[in-house]
């Protein structure tokens, strides 16, 4: 249910206010990545979402995915141009987050 509602909300938002959508897509992309929602991450990126957007702590969608070993999302974000070596405010990269938790597949992708 969450995935469908978020996807519908994104479609409506992009139709009525593309500028507002561009600003808000940061939060939607990061939320979808952190929840492992491959379909929504893909939809956001296909509609022009920036794979390198960051939250207030400098954390990217790639970092959120790496923290939780979401290899499908990691692969998708990299394919769409996510900066693998980007750092958050404390200097951590997505690879560092994945390695800390011994997520072998994620480390291999990164």
PDB file of N, CA and C in Angstrom:
ATOM      1  N   UNK A   1       0.821  -1.194   0.000  1.00  0.00           N
ATOM      2  CA  UNK A   1       0.000   0.000   0.000  1.00  0.00           C
ATOM      3  C   UNK A   1       0.868   1.263   0.000  1.00  0.00           C
ATOM      4  N   UNK A   2       1.917   1.272   0.833  1.00  0.00           N
ATOM      5  CA  UNK A   2       2.795   2.438   0.924  1.00  0.00           C
ATOM      6  C   UNK A   2       3.414   2.766  -0.428  1.00  0.00           C
ATOM      7  N   UNK A   3       3.902   1.744  -1.116  1.00  0.00           N
ATOM      8  CA  UNK A   3       4.565   1.955  -2.399  1.00  0.00           C
ATOM      9  C   UNK A   3       3.615   2.572  -3.418  1.00  0.00           C
ATOM     10  N   UNK A   4       2.406   2.036  -3.496  1.00  0.00           N
ATOM     11  CA  UNK A   4       1.439   2.548  -4.466  1.00  0.00           C
ATOM     12  C   UNK A   4       1.042   3.976  -4.133  1.00  0.00           C
ATOM     13  N   UNK A   5       0.809   4.262  -2.860  1.00  0.00           N
ATOM     14  CA  UNK A   5       0.418   5.613  -2.466  1.00  0.00           C
ATOM     15  C   UNK A   5       1.523   6.618  -2.748  1.00  0.00           C
ATOM     16  N   UNK A   6       2.751   6.256  -2.434  1.00  0.00           N
ATOM     17  CA  UNK A   6       3.866   7.160  -2.689  1.00  0.00           C
ATOM     18  C   UNK A   6       4.033   7.399  -4.179  1.00  0.00           C
ATOM     19  N   UNK A   7       3.926   6.347  -4.969  1.00  0.00           N
ATOM     20  CA  UNK A   7       4.066   6.471  -6.415  1.00  0.00           C
ATOM     21  C   UNK A   7       2.970   7.374  -6.990  1.00  0.00           C
ATOM     22  N   UNK A   8       1.731   7.176  -6.579  1.00  0.00           N
ATOM     23  CA  UNK A   8       0.614   8.007  -7.050  1.00  0.00           C
ATOM     24  C   UNK A   8       0.832   9.460  -6.634  1.00  0.00           C
ATOM     25  N   UNK A   9       1.259   9.669  -5.394  1.00  0.00           N
ATOM     26  CA  UNK A   9       1.521  11.018  -4.916  1.00  0.00           C
ATOM     27  C   UNK A   9       2.595  11.694  -5.763  1.00  0.00           C
ATOM     28  N   UNK A  10       3.631  10.941  -6.099  1.00  0.00           N
ATOM     29  CA  UNK A  10       4.702  11.499  -6.928  1.00  0.00           C
ATOM     30  C   UNK A  10       4.203  11.878  -8.312  1.00  0.00           C
ATOM     31  N   UNK A  11       3.376  11.026  -8.893  1.00  0.00           N
ATOM     32  CA  UNK A  11       2.840  11.324 -10.220  1.00  0.00           C
ATOM     33  C   UNK A  11       1.968  12.572 -10.203  1.00  0.00           C
ATOM     34  N   UNK A  12       1.098  12.677  -9.226  1.00  0.00           N
ATOM     35  CA  UNK A  12       0.220  13.848  -9.121  1.00  0.00           C
ATOM     36  C   UNK A  12       1.052  15.100  -8.867  1.00  0.00           C
ATOM     37  N   UNK A  13       2.007  14.986  -7.944  1.00  0.00           N
ATOM     38  CA  UNK A  13       2.855  16.129  -7.622  1.00  0.00           C
ATOM     39  C   UNK A  13       3.643  16.622  -8.815  1.00  0.00           C
ATOM     40  N   UNK A  14       4.161  15.691  -9.610  1.00  0.00           N
ATOM     41  CA  UNK A  14       4.959  16.106 -10.764  1.00  0.00           C
ATOM     42  C   UNK A  14       4.089  16.713 -11.853  1.00  0.00           C
ATOM     43  N   UNK A  15       2.853  16.273 -11.939  1.00  0.00           N
ATOM     44  CA  UNK A  15       1.940  16.806 -12.948  1.00  0.00           C
ATOM     45  C   UNK A  15       1.548  18.242 -12.624  1.00  0.00           C
ATOM     46  N   UNK A  16       1.213  18.520 -11.368  1.00  0.00           N
ATOM     47  CA  UNK A  16       0.694  19.831 -11.003  1.00  0.00           C
ATOM     48  C   UNK A  16       1.759  20.861 -10.637  1.00  0.00           C
ATOM     49  N   UNK A  17       2.909  20.405 -10.203  1.00  0.00           N
ATOM     50  CA  UNK A  17       3.926  21.373  -9.777  1.00  0.00           C
ATOM     51  C   UNK A  17       5.321  20.794  -9.945  1.00  0.00           C
ATOM     52  N   UNK A  18       5.822  20.859 -11.153  1.00  0.00           N
ATOM     53  CA  UNK A  18       7.123  20.238 -11.415  1.00  0.00           C
ATOM     54  C   UNK A  18       8.247  20.908 -10.628  1.00  0.00           C
ATOM     55  N   UNK A  19       8.150  22.190 -10.380  1.00  0.00           N
ATOM     56  CA  UNK A  19       9.188  22.869  -9.605  1.00  0.00           C
ATOM     57  C   UNK A  19       9.155  22.403  -8.155  1.00  0.00           C
ATOM     58  N   UNK A  20       7.975  22.372  -7.575  1.00  0.00           N
ATOM     59  CA  UNK A  20       7.849  21.888  -6.198  1.00  0.00           C
ATOM     60  C   UNK A  20       8.279  20.434  -6.113  1.00  0.00           C
ATOM     61  N   UNK A  21       7.937  19.657  -7.114  1.00  0.00           N
ATOM     62  CA  UNK A  21       8.328  18.244  -7.134  1.00  0.00           C
ATOM     63  C   UNK A  21       9.842  18.106  -7.121  1.00  0.00           C
ATOM     64  N   UNK A  22      10.523  18.936  -7.884  1.00  0.00           N
ATOM     65  CA  UNK A  22      11.984  18.858  -7.946  1.00  0.00           C
ATOM     66  C   UNK A  22      12.595  19.094  -6.570  1.00  0.00           C
ATOM     67  N   UNK A  23      12.035  20.037  -5.815  1.00  0.00           N
ATOM     68  CA  UNK A  23      12.541  20.315  -4.474  1.00  0.00           C
ATOM     69  C   UNK A  23      12.191  19.190  -3.510  1.00  0.00           C
ATOM     70  N   UNK A  24      10.979  18.688  -3.582  1.00  0.00           N
ATOM     71  CA  UNK A  24      10.521  17.657  -2.662  1.00  0.00           C
ATOM     72  C   UNK A  24      11.029  16.271  -3.016  1.00  0.00           C
ATOM     73  N   UNK A  25      11.447  16.054  -4.257  1.00  0.00           N
ATOM     74  CA  UNK A  25      11.881  14.721  -4.662  1.00  0.00           C
ATOM     75  C   UNK A  25      13.083  14.253  -3.864  1.00  0.00           C
ATOM     76  N   UNK A  26      13.826  15.183  -3.299  1.00  0.00           N
ATOM     77  CA  UNK A  26      14.947  14.807  -2.445  1.00  0.00           C
ATOM     78  C   UNK A  26      14.444  13.925  -1.317  1.00  0.00           C
ATOM     79  N   UNK A  27      13.440  14.391  -0.605  1.00  0.00           N
ATOM     80  CA  UNK A  27      12.902  13.628   0.515  1.00  0.00           C
ATOM     81  C   UNK A  27      12.288  12.322   0.057  1.00  0.00           C
ATOM     82  N   UNK A  28      11.573  12.315  -1.045  1.00  0.00           N
ATOM     83  CA  UNK A  28      10.942  11.097  -1.536  1.00  0.00           C
ATOM     84  C   UNK A  28      11.982  10.071  -1.957  1.00  0.00           C
ATOM     85  N   UNK A  29      13.022  10.511  -2.636  1.00  0.00           N
ATOM     86  CA  UNK A  29      14.067   9.589  -3.067  1.00  0.00           C
ATOM     87  C   UNK A  29      14.774   8.979  -1.865  1.00  0.00           C
ATOM     88  N   UNK A  30      15.133   9.802  -0.913  1.00  0.00           N
ATOM     89  CA  UNK A  30      15.829   9.299   0.268  1.00  0.00           C
ATOM     90  C   UNK A  30      14.942   8.357   1.071  1.00  0.00           C
ATOM     91  N   UNK A  31      13.669   8.695   1.203  1.00  0.00           N
ATOM     92  CA  UNK A  31      12.734   7.833   1.926  1.00  0.00           C
ATOM     93  C   UNK A  31      12.561   6.506   1.215  1.00  0.00           C
ATOM     94  N   UNK A  32      12.355   6.549  -0.084  1.00  0.00           N
ATOM     95  CA  UNK A  32      12.165   5.311  -0.850  1.00  0.00           C
ATOM     96  C   UNK A  32      13.413   4.439  -0.788  1.00  0.00           C
ATOM     97  N   UNK A  33      14.580   5.050  -0.891  1.00  0.00           N
ATOM     98  CA  UNK A  33      15.832   4.282  -0.825  1.00  0.00           C
ATOM     99  C   UNK A  33      16.014   3.652   0.547  1.00  0.00           C
ATOM    100  N   UNK A  34      15.693   4.394   1.587  1.00  0.00           N
ATOM    101  CA  UNK A  34      15.883   3.862   2.939  1.00  0.00           C
ATOM    102  C   UNK A  34      14.896   2.750   3.269  1.00  0.00           C
ATOM    103  N   UNK A  35      13.767   2.717   2.568  1.00  0.00           N
ATOM    104  CA  UNK A  35      12.767   1.674   2.799  1.00  0.00           C
ATOM    105  C   UNK A  35      12.901   0.499   1.833  1.00  0.00           C
ATOM    106  N   UNK A  36      13.830   0.591   0.902  1.00  0.00           N
ATOM    107  CA  UNK A  36      14.030  -0.502  -0.045  1.00  0.00           C
ATOM    108  C   UNK A  36      13.003  -0.563  -1.151  1.00  0.00           C
ATOM    109  N   UNK A  37      12.380   0.558  -1.456  1.00  0.00           N
ATOM    110  CA  UNK A  37      11.324   0.617  -2.465  1.00  0.00           C
ATOM    111  C   UNK A  37      11.931   0.856  -3.853  1.00  0.00           C
ATOM    112  N   UNK A  38      12.306  -0.227  -4.513  1.00  0.00           N
ATOM    113  CA  UNK A  38      12.976  -0.152  -5.812  1.00  0.00           C
ATOM    114  C   UNK A  38      12.099   0.537  -6.853  1.00  0.00           C
ATOM    115  N   UNK A  39      10.814   0.222  -6.879  1.00  0.00           N
ATOM    116  CA  UNK A  39       9.905   0.800  -7.879  1.00  0.00           C
ATOM    117  C   UNK A  39       9.832   2.315  -7.759  1.00  0.00           C
ATOM    118  N   UNK A  40       9.716   2.811  -6.546  1.00  0.00           N
ATOM    119  CA  UNK A  40       9.608   4.255  -6.357  1.00  0.00           C
ATOM    120  C   UNK A  40      10.933   4.948  -6.647  1.00  0.00           C
ATOM    121  N   UNK A  41      12.037   4.360  -6.211  1.00  0.00           N
ATOM    122  CA  UNK A  41      13.352   4.931  -6.530  1.00  0.00           C
ATOM    123  C   UNK A  41      13.509   5.033  -8.043  1.00  0.00           C
ATOM    124  N   UNK A  42      13.156   3.970  -8.744  1.00  0.00           N
ATOM    125  CA  UNK A  42      13.255   3.956 -10.203  1.00  0.00           C
ATOM    126  C   UNK A  42      12.374   5.031 -10.828  1.00  0.00           C
ATOM    127  N   UNK A  43      11.140   5.151 -10.352  1.00  0.00           N
ATOM    128  CA  UNK A  43      10.207   6.147 -10.897  1.00  0.00           C
ATOM    129  C   UNK A  43      10.725   7.565 -10.684  1.00  0.00           C
ATOM    130  N   UNK A  44      11.262   7.834  -9.514  1.00  0.00           N
ATOM    131  CA  UNK A  44      11.795   9.169  -9.228  1.00  0.00           C
ATOM    132  C   UNK A  44      12.971   9.484 -10.146  1.00  0.00           C
ATOM    133  N   UNK A  45      13.862   8.526 -10.299  1.00  0.00           N
ATOM    134  CA  UNK A  45      15.032   8.745 -11.154  1.00  0.00           C
ATOM    135  C   UNK A  45      14.640   8.890 -12.618  1.00  0.00           C
ATOM    136  N   UNK A  46      13.684   8.098 -13.064  1.00  0.00           N
ATOM    137  CA  UNK A  46      13.222   8.177 -14.457  1.00  0.00           C
ATOM    138  C   UNK A  46      12.530   9.503 -14.747  1.00  0.00           C
ATOM    139  N   UNK A  47      11.932  10.114 -13.722  1.00  0.00           N
ATOM    140  CA  UNK A  47      11.247  11.389 -13.937  1.00  0.00           C
ATOM    141  C   UNK A  47      12.169  12.581 -13.683  1.00  0.00           C
ATOM    142  N   UNK A  48      13.459  12.325 -13.583  1.00  0.00           N
ATOM    143  CA  UNK A  48      14.411  13.424 -13.473  1.00  0.00           C
ATOM    144  C   UNK A  48      14.977  13.675 -12.096  1.00  0.00           C
ATOM    145  N   UNK A  49      14.679  12.827 -11.136  1.00  0.00           N
ATOM    146  CA  UNK A  49      15.232  12.990  -9.796  1.00  0.00           C
ATOM    147  C   UNK A  49      16.747  12.864  -9.811  1.00  0.00           C
ATOM    148  N   UNK A  50      17.395  13.636  -8.980  1.00  0.00           N
ATOM    149  CA  UNK A  50      18.856  13.651  -8.909  1.00  0.00           C
ATOM    150  C   UNK A  50      19.336  12.544  -7.971  1.00  0.00           C
ATOM    151  N   UNK A  51      20.109  11.575  -8.467  1.00  0.00           N
ATOM    152  CA  UNK A  51      20.572  10.484  -7.614  1.00  0.00           C
ATOM    153  C   UNK A  51      21.587  10.927  -6.558  1.00  0.00           C
ATOM    154  N   UNK A  52      22.064  12.158  -6.659  1.00  0.00           N
ATOM    155  CA  UNK A  52      23.082  12.646  -5.728  1.00  0.00           C
ATOM    156  C   UNK A  52      22.558  13.661  -4.721  1.00  0.00           C
ATOM    157  N   UNK A  53      21.254  13.786  -4.604  1.00  0.00           N
ATOM    158  CA  UNK A  53      20.701  14.703  -3.617  1.00  0.00           C
ATOM    159  C   UNK A  53      21.049  14.213  -2.218  1.00  0.00           C
ATOM    160  N   UNK A  54      21.156  15.162  -1.293  1.00  0.00           N
ATOM    161  CA  UNK A  54      21.555  14.852   0.084  1.00  0.00           C
ATOM    162  C   UNK A  54      20.551  15.425   1.070  1.00  0.00           C
ATOM    163  N   UNK A  55      20.474  14.797   2.240  1.00  0.00           N
ATOM    164  CA  UNK A  55      19.665  15.359   3.308  1.00  0.00           C
ATOM    165  C   UNK A  55      20.508  16.372   4.087  1.00  0.00           C
ATOM    166  N   UNK A  56      19.979  16.883   5.185  1.00  0.00           N
ATOM    167  CA  UNK A  56      20.681  17.918   5.946  1.00  0.00           C
ATOM    168  C   UNK A  56      21.995  17.425   6.557  1.00  0.00           C
ATOM    169  N   UNK A  57      22.159  16.108   6.658  1.00  0.00           N
ATOM    170  CA  UNK A  57      23.401  15.532   7.176  1.00  0.00           C
ATOM    171  C   UNK A  57      24.365  15.131   6.062  1.00  0.00           C
ATOM    172  N   UNK A  58      23.984  15.433   4.825  1.00  0.00           N
ATOM    173  CA  UNK A  58      24.828  15.101   3.689  1.00  0.00           C
ATOM    174  C   UNK A  58      24.696  13.668   3.216  1.00  0.00           C
ATOM    175  N   UNK A  59      23.698  12.951   3.736  1.00  0.00           N
ATOM    176  CA  UNK A  59      23.508  11.542   3.391  1.00  0.00           C
ATOM    177  C   UNK A  59      22.728  11.434   2.079  1.00  0.00           C
ATOM    178  N   UNK A  60      23.231  10.606   1.170  1.00  0.00           N
ATOM    179  CA  UNK A  60      22.596  10.389  -0.128  1.00  0.00           C
ATOM    180  C   UNK A  60      21.740   9.123  -0.101  1.00  0.00           C
ATOM    181  N   UNK A  61      20.949   8.948  -1.142  1.00  0.00           N
ATOM    182  CA  UNK A  61      20.141   7.732  -1.276  1.00  0.00           C
ATOM    183  C   UNK A  61      21.035   6.499  -1.324  1.00  0.00           C
ATOM    184  N   UNK A  62      22.187   6.621  -1.973  1.00  0.00           N
ATOM    185  CA  UNK A  62      23.131   5.507  -2.049  1.00  0.00           C
ATOM    186  C   UNK A  62      23.614   5.111  -0.655  1.00  0.00           C
ATOM    187  N   UNK A  63      23.851   6.084   0.180  1.00  0.00           N
ATOM    188  CA  UNK A  63      24.285   5.797   1.555  1.00  0.00           C
ATOM    189  C   UNK A  63      23.179   5.129   2.358  1.00  0.00           C
ATOM    190  N   UNK A  64      21.942   5.618   2.194  1.00  0.00           N
ATOM    191  CA  UNK A  64      20.815   4.975   2.883  1.00  0.00           C
ATOM    192  C   UNK A  64      20.687   3.520   2.456  1.00  0.00           C
ATOM    193  N   UNK A  65      20.810   3.263   1.171  1.00  0.00           N
ATOM    194  CA  UNK A  65      20.710   1.892   0.664  1.00  0.00           C
ATOM    195  C   UNK A  65      21.868   1.036   1.175  1.00  0.00           C
ATOM    196  N   UNK A  66      23.059   1.602   1.224  1.00  0.00           N
ATOM    197  CA  UNK A  66      24.232   0.861   1.693  1.00  0.00           C
ATOM    198  C   UNK A  66      24.128   0.521   3.176  1.00  0.00           C
ATOM    199  N   UNK A  67      23.505   1.392   3.947  1.00  0.00           N
ATOM    200  CA  UNK A  67      23.330   1.147   5.386  1.00  0.00           C
ATOM    201  C   UNK A  67      22.471  -0.081   5.662  1.00  0.00           C
ATOM    202  N   UNK A  68      21.606  -0.418   4.699  1.00  0.00           N
ATOM    203  CA  UNK A  68      20.656  -1.515   4.909  1.00  0.00           C
ATOM    204  C   UNK A  68      20.839  -2.665   3.926  1.00  0.00           C
ATOM    205  N   UNK A  69      21.950  -2.694   3.204  1.00  0.00           N
ATOM    206  CA  UNK A  69      22.281  -3.790   2.286  1.00  0.00           C
ATOM    207  C   UNK A  69      21.223  -3.981   1.201  1.00  0.00           C
ATOM    208  N   UNK A  70      20.795  -2.893   0.605  1.00  0.00           N
ATOM    209  CA  UNK A  70      19.774  -2.943  -0.443  1.00  0.00           C
ATOM    210  C   UNK A  70      20.467  -2.913  -1.801  1.00  0.00           C
ATOM    211  N   UNK A  71      20.974  -4.083  -2.204  1.00  0.00           N
ATOM    212  CA  UNK A  71      21.827  -4.158  -3.383  1.00  0.00           C
ATOM    213  C   UNK A  71      21.130  -3.781  -4.681  1.00  0.00           C
ATOM    214  N   UNK A  72      19.839  -4.046  -4.806  1.00  0.00           N
ATOM    215  CA  UNK A  72      19.127  -3.662  -6.036  1.00  0.00           C
ATOM    216  C   UNK A  72      19.060  -2.145  -6.174  1.00  0.00           C
ATOM    217  N   UNK A  73      18.817  -1.473  -5.072  1.00  0.00           N
ATOM    218  CA  UNK A  73      18.759  -0.010  -5.104  1.00  0.00           C
ATOM    219  C   UNK A  73      20.155   0.568  -5.323  1.00  0.00           C
ATOM    220  N   UNK A  74      21.152  -0.026  -4.703  1.00  0.00           N
ATOM    221  CA  UNK A  74      22.530   0.426  -4.912  1.00  0.00           C
ATOM    222  C   UNK A  74      22.887   0.340  -6.393  1.00  0.00           C
ATOM    223  N   UNK A  75      22.606  -0.797  -7.007  1.00  0.00           N
ATOM    224  CA  UNK A  75      22.919  -0.987  -8.432  1.00  0.00           C
ATOM    225  C   UNK A  75      22.171   0.023  -9.297  1.00  0.00           C
ATOM    226  N   UNK A  76      20.896   0.252  -8.998  1.00  0.00           N
ATOM    227  CA  UNK A  76      20.084   1.203  -9.764  1.00  0.00           C
ATOM    228  C   UNK A  76      20.640   2.618  -9.637  1.00  0.00           C
ATOM    229  N   UNK A  77      20.941   3.035  -8.422  1.00  0.00           N
ATOM    230  CA  UNK A  77      21.466   4.382  -8.207  1.00  0.00           C
ATOM    231  C   UNK A  77      22.804   4.587  -8.914  1.00  0.00           C
ATOM    232  N   UNK A  78      23.668   3.585  -8.857  1.00  0.00           N
ATOM    233  CA  UNK A  78      24.959   3.693  -9.546  1.00  0.00           C
ATOM    234  C   UNK A  78      24.741   3.797 -11.052  1.00  0.00           C
ATOM    235  N   UNK A  79      23.838   2.978 -11.572  1.00  0.00           N
ATOM    236  CA  UNK A  79      23.526   3.014 -13.006  1.00  0.00           C
ATOM    237  C   UNK A  79      23.016   4.391 -13.429  1.00  0.00           C
ATOM    238  N   UNK A  80      22.284   5.050 -12.541  1.00  0.00           N
ATOM    239  CA  UNK A  80      21.705   6.361 -12.849  1.00  0.00           C
ATOM    240  C   UNK A  80      22.628   7.521 -12.481  1.00  0.00           C
ATOM    241  N   UNK A  81      23.871   7.214 -12.111  1.00  0.00           N
ATOM    242  CA  UNK A  81      24.851   8.276 -11.909  1.00  0.00           C
ATOM    243  C   UNK A  81      25.136   8.693 -10.483  1.00  0.00           C
ATOM    244  N   UNK A  82      24.739   7.903  -9.508  1.00  0.00           N
ATOM    245  CA  UNK A  82      25.036   8.251  -8.118  1.00  0.00           C
ATOM    246  C   UNK A  82      26.545   8.279  -7.903  1.00  0.00           C
ATOM    247  N   UNK A  83      26.999   9.283  -7.185  1.00  0.00           N
ATOM    248  CA  UNK A  83      28.428   9.444  -6.899  1.00  0.00           C
ATOM    249  C   UNK A  83      28.838   8.474  -5.797  1.00  0.00           C
ATOM    250  N   UNK A  84      29.574   7.454  -6.172  1.00  0.00           N
ATOM    251  CA  UNK A  84      29.974   6.401  -5.235  1.00  0.00           C
ATOM    252  C   UNK A  84      30.888   6.944  -4.141  1.00  0.00           C
ATOM    253  N   UNK A  85      31.705   7.913  -4.456  1.00  0.00           N
ATOM    254  CA  UNK A  85      32.676   8.438  -3.486  1.00  0.00           C
ATOM    255  C   UNK A  85      32.197   9.676  -2.735  1.00  0.00           C
ATOM    256  N   UNK A  86      30.924  10.020  -2.858  1.00  0.00           N
ATOM    257  CA  UNK A  86      30.386  11.164  -2.120  1.00  0.00           C
ATOM    258  C   UNK A  86      30.493  10.894  -0.619  1.00  0.00           C
ATOM    259  N   UNK A  87      30.705  11.962   0.145  1.00  0.00           N
ATOM    260  CA  UNK A  87      30.796  11.819   1.597  1.00  0.00           C
ATOM    261  C   UNK A  87      29.685  12.609   2.279  1.00  0.00           C
ATOM    262  N   UNK A  88      29.251  12.087   3.406  1.00  0.00           N
ATOM    263  CA  UNK A  88      28.288  12.819   4.218  1.00  0.00           C
ATOM    264  C   UNK A  88      29.061  13.756   5.144  1.00  0.00           C
ATOM    265  N   UNK A  89      28.362  14.477   6.011  1.00  0.00           N
ATOM    266  CA  UNK A  89      28.993  15.534   6.806  1.00  0.00           C
ATOM    267  C   UNK A  89      30.129  15.059   7.712  1.00  0.00           C
ATOM    268  N   UNK A  90      30.135  13.781   8.079  1.00  0.00           N
ATOM    269  CA  UNK A  90      31.202  13.240   8.929  1.00  0.00           C
ATOM    270  C   UNK A  90      32.294  12.530   8.131  1.00  0.00           C
ATOM    271  N   UNK A  91      32.207  12.605   6.804  1.00  0.00           N
ATOM    272  CA  UNK A  91      33.241  12.031   5.958  1.00  0.00           C
ATOM    273  C   UNK A  91      33.026  10.585   5.544  1.00  0.00           C
ATOM    274  N   UNK A  92      31.886  10.018   5.869  1.00  0.00           N
ATOM    275  CA  UNK A  92      31.602   8.624   5.519  1.00  0.00           C
ATOM    276  C   UNK A  92      31.074   8.516   4.099  1.00  0.00           C
ATOM    277  N   UNK A  93      31.477   7.450   3.406  1.00  0.00           N
ATOM    278  CA  UNK A  93      30.962   7.135   2.071  1.00  0.00           C
ATOM    279  C   UNK A  93      29.990   5.962   2.178  1.00  0.00           C
ATOM    280  N   UNK A  94      29.281   5.686   1.098  1.00  0.00           N
ATOM    281  CA  UNK A  94      28.377   4.532   1.065  1.00  0.00           C
ATOM    282  C   UNK A  94      29.155   3.242   1.313  1.00  0.00           C
ATOM    283  N   UNK A  95      30.339   3.146   0.735  1.00  0.00           N
ATOM    284  CA  UNK A  95      31.175   1.957   0.931  1.00  0.00           C
ATOM    285  C   UNK A  95      31.517   1.754   2.406  1.00  0.00           C
ATOM    286  N   UNK A  96      31.812   2.823   3.090  1.00  0.00           N
ATOM    287  CA  UNK A  96      32.148   2.722   4.512  1.00  0.00           C
ATOM    288  C   UNK A  96      30.962   2.210   5.323  1.00  0.00           C
ATOM    289  N   UNK A  97      29.757   2.696   4.997  1.00  0.00           N
ATOM    290  CA  UNK A  97      28.561   2.217   5.704  1.00  0.00           C
ATOM    291  C   UNK A  97      28.351   0.725   5.468  1.00  0.00           C
ATOM    292  N   UNK A  98      28.504   0.283   4.232  1.00  0.00           N
ATOM    293  CA  UNK A  98      28.308  -1.129   3.898  1.00  0.00           C
ATOM    294  C   UNK A  98      29.384  -2.003   4.540  1.00  0.00           C
ATOM    295  N   UNK A  99      30.620  -1.546   4.499  1.00  0.00           N
ATOM    296  CA  UNK A  99      31.725  -2.323   5.066  1.00  0.00           C
ATOM    297  C   UNK A  99      31.600  -2.456   6.580  1.00  0.00           C
ATOM    298  N   UNK A 100      31.128  -1.404   7.232  1.00  0.00           N
ATOM    299  CA  UNK A 100      30.968  -1.427   8.690  1.00  0.00           C
ATOM    300  C   UNK A 100      30.061  -2.574   9.125  1.00  0.00           C
ATOM    301  N   UNK A 101      29.056  -2.875   8.315  1.00  0.00           N
ATOM    302  CA  UNK A 101      28.098  -3.928   8.667  1.00  0.00           C
ATOM    303  C   UNK A 101      28.379  -5.247   7.944  1.00  0.00           C
ATOM    304  N   UNK A 102      29.516  -5.313   7.265  1.00  0.00           N
ATOM    305  CA  UNK A 102      29.907  -6.539   6.553  1.00  0.00           C
ATOM    306  C   UNK A 102      28.893  -6.968   5.493  1.00  0.00           C
ATOM    307  N   UNK A 103      28.338  -6.012   4.769  1.00  0.00           N
ATOM    308  CA  UNK A 103      27.403  -6.304   3.685  1.00  0.00           C
ATOM    309  C   UNK A 103      28.216  -6.575   2.419  1.00  0.00           C
ATOM    310  N   UNK A 104      28.562  -7.826   2.208  1.00  0.00           N
ATOM    311  CA  UNK A 104      29.491  -8.216   1.150  1.00  0.00           C
ATOM    312  C   UNK A 104      29.007  -7.797  -0.231  1.00  0.00           C
ATOM    313  N   UNK A 105      27.770  -8.101  -0.575  1.00  0.00           N
ATOM    314  CA  UNK A 105      27.252  -7.770  -1.910  1.00  0.00           C
ATOM    315  C   UNK A 105      27.263  -6.259  -2.141  1.00  0.00           C
ATOM    316  N   UNK A 106      26.844  -5.503  -1.153  1.00  0.00           N
ATOM    317  CA  UNK A 106      26.851  -4.043  -1.285  1.00  0.00           C
ATOM    318  C   UNK A 106      28.268  -3.515  -1.457  1.00  0.00           C
ATOM    319  N   UNK A 107      29.206  -4.052  -0.693  1.00  0.00           N
ATOM    320  CA  UNK A 107      30.608  -3.640  -0.815  1.00  0.00           C
ATOM    321  C   UNK A 107      31.115  -3.936  -2.219  1.00  0.00           C
ATOM    322  N   UNK A 108      30.772  -5.093  -2.755  1.00  0.00           N
ATOM    323  CA  UNK A 108      31.208  -5.447  -4.107  1.00  0.00           C
ATOM    324  C   UNK A 108      30.663  -4.473  -5.145  1.00  0.00           C
ATOM    325  N   UNK A 109      29.418  -4.066  -4.992  1.00  0.00           N
ATOM    326  CA  UNK A 109      28.810  -3.127  -5.938  1.00  0.00           C
ATOM    327  C   UNK A 109      29.450  -1.742  -5.848  1.00  0.00           C
ATOM    328  N   UNK A 110      29.789  -1.361  -4.645  1.00  0.00           N
ATOM    329  CA  UNK A 110      30.333  -0.024  -4.417  1.00  0.00           C
ATOM    330  C   UNK A 110      31.814   0.035  -4.733  1.00  0.00           C
TER     331      UNK A 110
END
